[in-house]
Amino acid sequence: MNINTAKLGLLALLGSTLCISAAQAQSKDIVLTDSIKGYAVDQRGVVVRSGFGLCWRTNSWTPAMAISECDPDLVKKEEPKRVAVAKPVETKPAAPVAPPPAAKKCDFSATLTSDETFTFNKAVLTLAAKAKLDKEVVGKLGTCAAVRLVMITGHTDRLGSAQYNQKLSEKRADAVKGYLVGKGVDAKVTETMGAGKTQPAQGVPKCADNLPRKKMIECLAPNRRVVVEVKGPAK
């Protein structure tokens, strides 16, 4: 075999290979359905391709007519859809809740003072003392929804020993408790105590130590007293 014969055989082999490749490239037909066609098509509407599988463009072709099957580099890829992130719902702060109105109280106090209530060295209630308790204590209890506490504290003047005055102050407190319980006050919420001569009445002029005894007793009369304190809710 001469050289020319060998060359002819090689060219024939290459040609057959290219034909096979072109046939394979055209194995998938591209059908254009768009009314505006930038590529040459046959009677079936299939894009005409070259032997190398390239799509034939018409004279009216523009890059805007490019299709991905023929010119994938010219076709814009669809951007991934952005998922809208819902904005957090702004919640208004709850309006401050007004505190419930404070419960009305039925707290009051009454004081039995001077010799119209307790005479010197005595723990017996006078008629004046009983009338005052009826008006300023028993009469006001009707305005209370309930009585939580009735505190009764007895006091004396400074004459006499501390021990003697302590017992006298306790007797005076007990005398008031007995009268109030007799008027219907609950004994379970009623308490008594004696302060003796340790708590002189406020706002009373001091009595000079050199006063005659009778004058001294009269001067110290405001200290001989009983204080009644009532606590509870009002109606």
Protein backbone atom coordinates (compact mmCIF):
# COMPACT_ATOMS: atom_id res chain seq x y z
CA MET A 1 0.00 0.00 0.00
CA ASN A 2 1.33 3.40 -1.00
CA ILE A 3 1.14 6.52 1.14
CA ASN A 4 -1.73 8.15 -0.84
CA THR A 5 -3.90 5.06 -0.40
CA ALA A 6 -3.28 5.18 3.39
CA LYS A 7 -4.26 8.84 3.58
CA LEU A 8 -7.48 8.21 1.71
CA GLY A 9 -8.35 5.40 4.12
CA LEU A 10 -7.70 7.65 7.17
CA LEU A 11 -9.88 10.45 5.78
CA ALA A 12 -12.69 8.00 5.11
CA LEU A 13 -12.48 6.75 8.71
CA LEU A 14 -12.59 10.30 10.10
CA GLY A 15 -15.54 11.18 7.89
CA SER A 16 -17.50 8.20 9.07
CA THR A 17 -16.75 9.11 12.70
CA LEU A 18 -18.00 12.68 12.18
CA CYS A 19 -21.16 11.42 10.54
CA ILE A 20 -21.82 9.12 13.48
CA SER A 21 -21.27 12.01 15.92
CA ALA A 22 -23.57 14.29 13.92
CA ALA A 23 -26.23 11.62 13.84
CA GLN A 24 -25.95 11.17 17.58
CA ALA A 25 -26.10 14.96 18.12
CA GLN A 26 -29.29 15.15 16.09
CA SER A 27 -30.87 12.22 17.91
CA LYS A 28 -32.78 14.70 20.13
CA ASP A 29 -34.94 16.97 18.02
CA ILE A 30 -35.62 20.51 19.21
CA VAL A 31 -39.15 21.63 18.40
CA LEU A 32 -39.92 25.34 18.46
CA THR A 33 -43.43 26.25 19.44
CA ASP A 34 -42.83 29.98 19.86
CA SER A 35 -44.35 32.12 17.15
CA ILE A 36 -41.08 34.06 16.90
CA LYS A 37 -38.45 31.69 15.67
CA GLY A 38 -34.80 32.73 15.48
CA TYR A 39 -33.71 29.34 14.28
CA ALA A 40 -34.25 27.53 10.98
CA VAL A 41 -36.81 24.75 11.28
CA ASP A 42 -38.06 22.01 8.98
CA GLN A 43 -41.67 21.18 8.14
CA ARG A 44 -42.10 19.50 11.53
CA GLY A 45 -40.99 22.62 13.38
CA VAL A 46 -37.74 20.89 14.41
CA VAL A 47 -34.64 23.08 14.54
CA VAL A 48 -32.25 22.33 11.71
CA ARG A 49 -28.75 21.43 12.87
CA SER A 50 -25.40 21.24 11.21
CA GLY A 51 -23.40 18.06 10.94
CA PHE A 52 -21.77 19.00 14.24
CA GLY A 53 -25.14 19.40 16.03
CA LEU A 54 -25.13 23.22 15.93
CA CYS A 55 -28.48 24.97 15.52
CA TRP A 56 -28.89 27.04 12.35
CA ARG A 57 -29.82 30.63 13.09
CA THR A 58 -31.97 32.75 10.78
CA ASN A 59 -31.05 36.25 9.70
CA SER A 60 -33.61 37.63 12.15
CA TRP A 61 -32.00 35.86 15.10
CA THR A 62 -31.04 38.01 18.07
CA PRO A 63 -29.53 36.99 21.43
CA ALA A 64 -32.93 37.60 23.01
CA MET A 65 -34.26 34.65 20.95
CA ALA A 66 -31.64 32.24 22.26
CA ILE A 67 -32.88 28.95 23.67
CA SER A 68 -31.03 26.82 26.16
CA GLU A 69 -31.00 23.77 23.86
CA CYS A 70 -29.03 25.66 21.21
CA ASP A 71 -27.25 28.52 22.98
CA PRO A 72 -27.14 27.70 26.68
CA ASP A 73 -24.49 30.34 27.37
CA LEU A 74 -26.80 33.11 26.14
CA VAL A 75 -29.83 32.09 28.14
CA LYS A 76 -30.08 33.65 31.59
CA LYS A 77 -30.43 31.13 34.31
CA GLU A 78 -33.41 31.65 36.55
CA GLU A 79 -32.40 33.08 39.85
CA PRO A 80 -33.55 31.07 42.84
CA LYS A 81 -36.76 32.43 44.21
CA ARG A 82 -36.27 34.42 47.31
CA VAL A 83 -38.38 33.31 50.18
CA ALA A 84 -39.92 36.27 51.87
CA VAL A 85 -39.16 36.30 55.55
CA ALA A 86 -42.13 37.37 57.53
CA LYS A 87 -41.40 40.32 59.73
CA PRO A 88 -42.00 39.70 63.40
CA VAL A 89 -45.29 41.11 64.47
CA GLU A 90 -44.76 43.97 66.83
CA THR A 91 -46.79 43.47 69.92
CA LYS A 92 -47.75 46.47 71.90
CA PRO A 93 -46.98 46.23 75.57
CA ALA A 94 -50.01 45.47 77.60
CA ALA A 95 -51.52 48.44 79.26
CA PRO A 96 -50.61 48.54 82.94
CA VAL A 97 -53.32 47.10 85.07
CA ALA A 98 -54.45 49.50 87.71
CA PRO A 99 -54.13 48.01 91.16
CA PRO A 100 -57.41 47.31 92.88
CA PRO A 101 -58.52 50.11 95.15
CA ALA A 102 -57.36 49.75 98.69
CA ALA A 103 -59.96 48.27 100.95
CA LYS A 104 -61.63 50.81 103.17
CA LYS A 105 -60.77 50.49 106.79
CA CYS A 106 -62.90 50.85 109.87
CA ASP A 107 -60.01 51.81 112.14
CA PHE A 108 -60.65 54.30 114.92
CA SER A 109 -59.76 54.96 118.55
CA ALA A 110 -61.37 56.48 121.61
CA THR A 111 -59.79 57.66 124.85
CA LEU A 112 -61.35 57.81 128.29
CA THR A 113 -59.52 60.63 130.04
CA SER A 114 -59.45 62.59 133.29
CA ASP A 115 -61.50 62.03 136.40
CA GLU A 116 -64.81 61.93 134.55
CA THR A 117 -63.87 58.38 133.58
CA PHE A 118 -61.58 57.15 136.30
CA THR A 119 -61.23 58.79 139.67
CA PHE A 120 -57.94 58.75 141.51
CA ASN A 121 -56.86 55.27 142.62
CA LYS A 122 -59.98 53.65 141.13
CA ALA A 123 -60.72 51.22 138.25
CA VAL A 124 -64.47 51.63 138.25
CA LEU A 125 -66.19 53.12 135.18
CA THR A 126 -68.27 56.20 135.87
CA LEU A 127 -71.53 56.98 134.13
CA ALA A 128 -69.65 59.51 132.00
CA ALA A 129 -67.18 56.80 130.95
CA LYS A 130 -69.94 54.38 129.95
CA ALA A 131 -71.73 57.07 127.93
CA LYS A 132 -68.49 57.85 126.09
CA LEU A 133 -67.90 54.18 125.30
CA ASP A 134 -71.45 53.85 123.97
CA LYS A 135 -71.03 56.84 121.67
CA GLU A 136 -67.40 56.59 120.52
CA VAL A 137 -66.91 52.82 120.43
CA VAL A 138 -70.13 50.77 120.41
CA GLY A 139 -71.91 53.28 118.17
CA LYS A 140 -69.13 53.21 115.56
CA LEU A 141 -68.80 49.43 115.38
CA GLY A 142 -71.88 49.36 113.15
CA THR A 143 -69.83 50.94 110.33
CA CYS A 144 -67.39 47.99 110.31
CA ALA A 145 -67.85 44.98 108.03
CA ALA A 146 -65.93 43.00 110.63
CA VAL A 147 -63.93 43.71 113.76
CA ARG A 148 -60.44 42.22 113.64
CA LEU A 149 -59.08 43.63 116.88
CA VAL A 150 -60.17 45.71 119.86
CA MET A 151 -57.04 46.72 121.79
CA ILE A 152 -57.60 48.28 125.25
CA THR A 153 -54.66 49.88 127.06
CA GLY A 154 -54.90 51.21 130.65
CA HIS A 155 -52.75 54.05 132.03
CA THR A 156 -52.14 55.69 135.44
CA ASP A 157 -50.53 58.85 136.78
CA ARG A 158 -47.06 58.83 138.33
CA LEU A 159 -48.12 58.78 141.95
CA GLY A 160 -47.35 55.50 143.67
CA SER A 161 -44.96 52.66 142.89
CA ALA A 162 -44.46 51.18 139.43
CA GLN A 163 -45.77 47.78 140.55
CA TYR A 164 -48.93 49.24 142.04
CA ASN A 165 -49.63 51.43 138.99
CA GLN A 166 -49.06 48.49 136.63
CA LYS A 167 -51.77 46.46 138.31
CA LEU A 168 -54.11 49.48 138.49
CA SER A 169 -53.68 50.13 134.74
CA GLU A 170 -54.52 46.50 133.98
CA LYS A 171 -57.66 46.66 136.12
CA ARG A 172 -58.82 49.78 134.26
CA ALA A 173 -58.32 48.04 130.90
CA ASP A 174 -60.23 44.98 132.14
CA ALA A 175 -63.10 47.18 133.35
CA VAL A 176 -63.50 48.66 129.86
CA LYS A 177 -63.31 45.22 128.22
CA GLY A 178 -66.01 43.86 130.50
CA TYR A 179 -68.32 46.73 129.61
CA LEU A 180 -67.78 46.40 125.84
CA VAL A 181 -68.23 42.61 125.86
CA GLY A 182 -71.47 43.19 127.72
CA LYS A 183 -72.51 45.45 124.81
CA GLY A 184 -71.92 42.69 122.27
CA VAL A 185 -68.23 43.10 121.34
CA ASP A 186 -66.60 39.74 120.64
CA ALA A 187 -64.34 38.80 123.55
CA LYS A 188 -62.16 36.68 121.20
CA VAL A 189 -60.92 39.76 119.34
CA THR A 190 -60.62 41.95 122.43
CA GLU A 191 -57.25 42.23 124.15
CA THR A 192 -56.08 44.27 127.13
CA MET A 193 -52.76 45.50 128.48
CA GLY A 194 -51.54 47.83 131.19
CA ALA A 195 -48.90 50.49 130.59
CA GLY A 196 -48.76 51.62 134.22
CA LYS A 197 -47.24 55.08 134.58
CA THR A 198 -44.71 54.62 131.72
CA GLN A 199 -46.66 56.59 129.07
CA PRO A 200 -47.87 60.01 130.32
CA ALA A 201 -50.47 61.73 128.17
CA GLN A 202 -49.03 63.89 125.39
CA GLY A 203 -49.54 67.67 125.38
CA VAL A 204 -50.28 67.90 129.12
CA PRO A 205 -48.36 70.56 131.11
CA LYS A 206 -45.92 69.09 133.58
CA CYS A 207 -46.94 69.09 137.19
CA ALA A 208 -44.41 70.49 139.62
CA ASP A 209 -43.25 68.05 142.26
CA ASN A 210 -43.80 70.61 145.06
CA LEU A 211 -47.53 70.96 144.45
CA PRO A 212 -49.85 70.12 147.35
CA ARG A 213 -51.18 66.55 147.02
CA LYS A 214 -54.72 67.62 146.09
CA LYS A 215 -53.40 69.98 143.44
CA MET A 216 -51.04 67.25 142.22
CA ILE A 217 -53.90 64.75 141.85
CA GLU A 218 -55.92 67.28 139.87
CA CYS A 219 -52.93 68.17 137.69
CA LEU A 220 -52.19 64.51 136.85
CA ALA A 221 -55.83 63.62 136.01
CA PRO A 222 -55.25 63.43 132.16
CA ASN A 223 -52.78 60.57 132.71
CA ARG A 224 -55.43 58.38 134.34
CA ARG A 225 -56.98 57.09 131.12
CA VAL A 226 -57.83 54.09 128.91
CA VAL A 227 -57.32 54.02 125.13
CA VAL A 228 -59.53 51.78 122.97
CA GLU A 229 -58.29 51.00 119.41
CA VAL A 230 -60.52 49.22 116.89
CA LYS A 231 -59.24 47.72 113.61
CA GLY A 232 -61.15 46.08 110.77
CA PRO A 233 -62.53 46.57 107.24
CA ALA A 234 -65.32 49.04 106.60
CA LYS A 235 -68.60 48.13 104.93
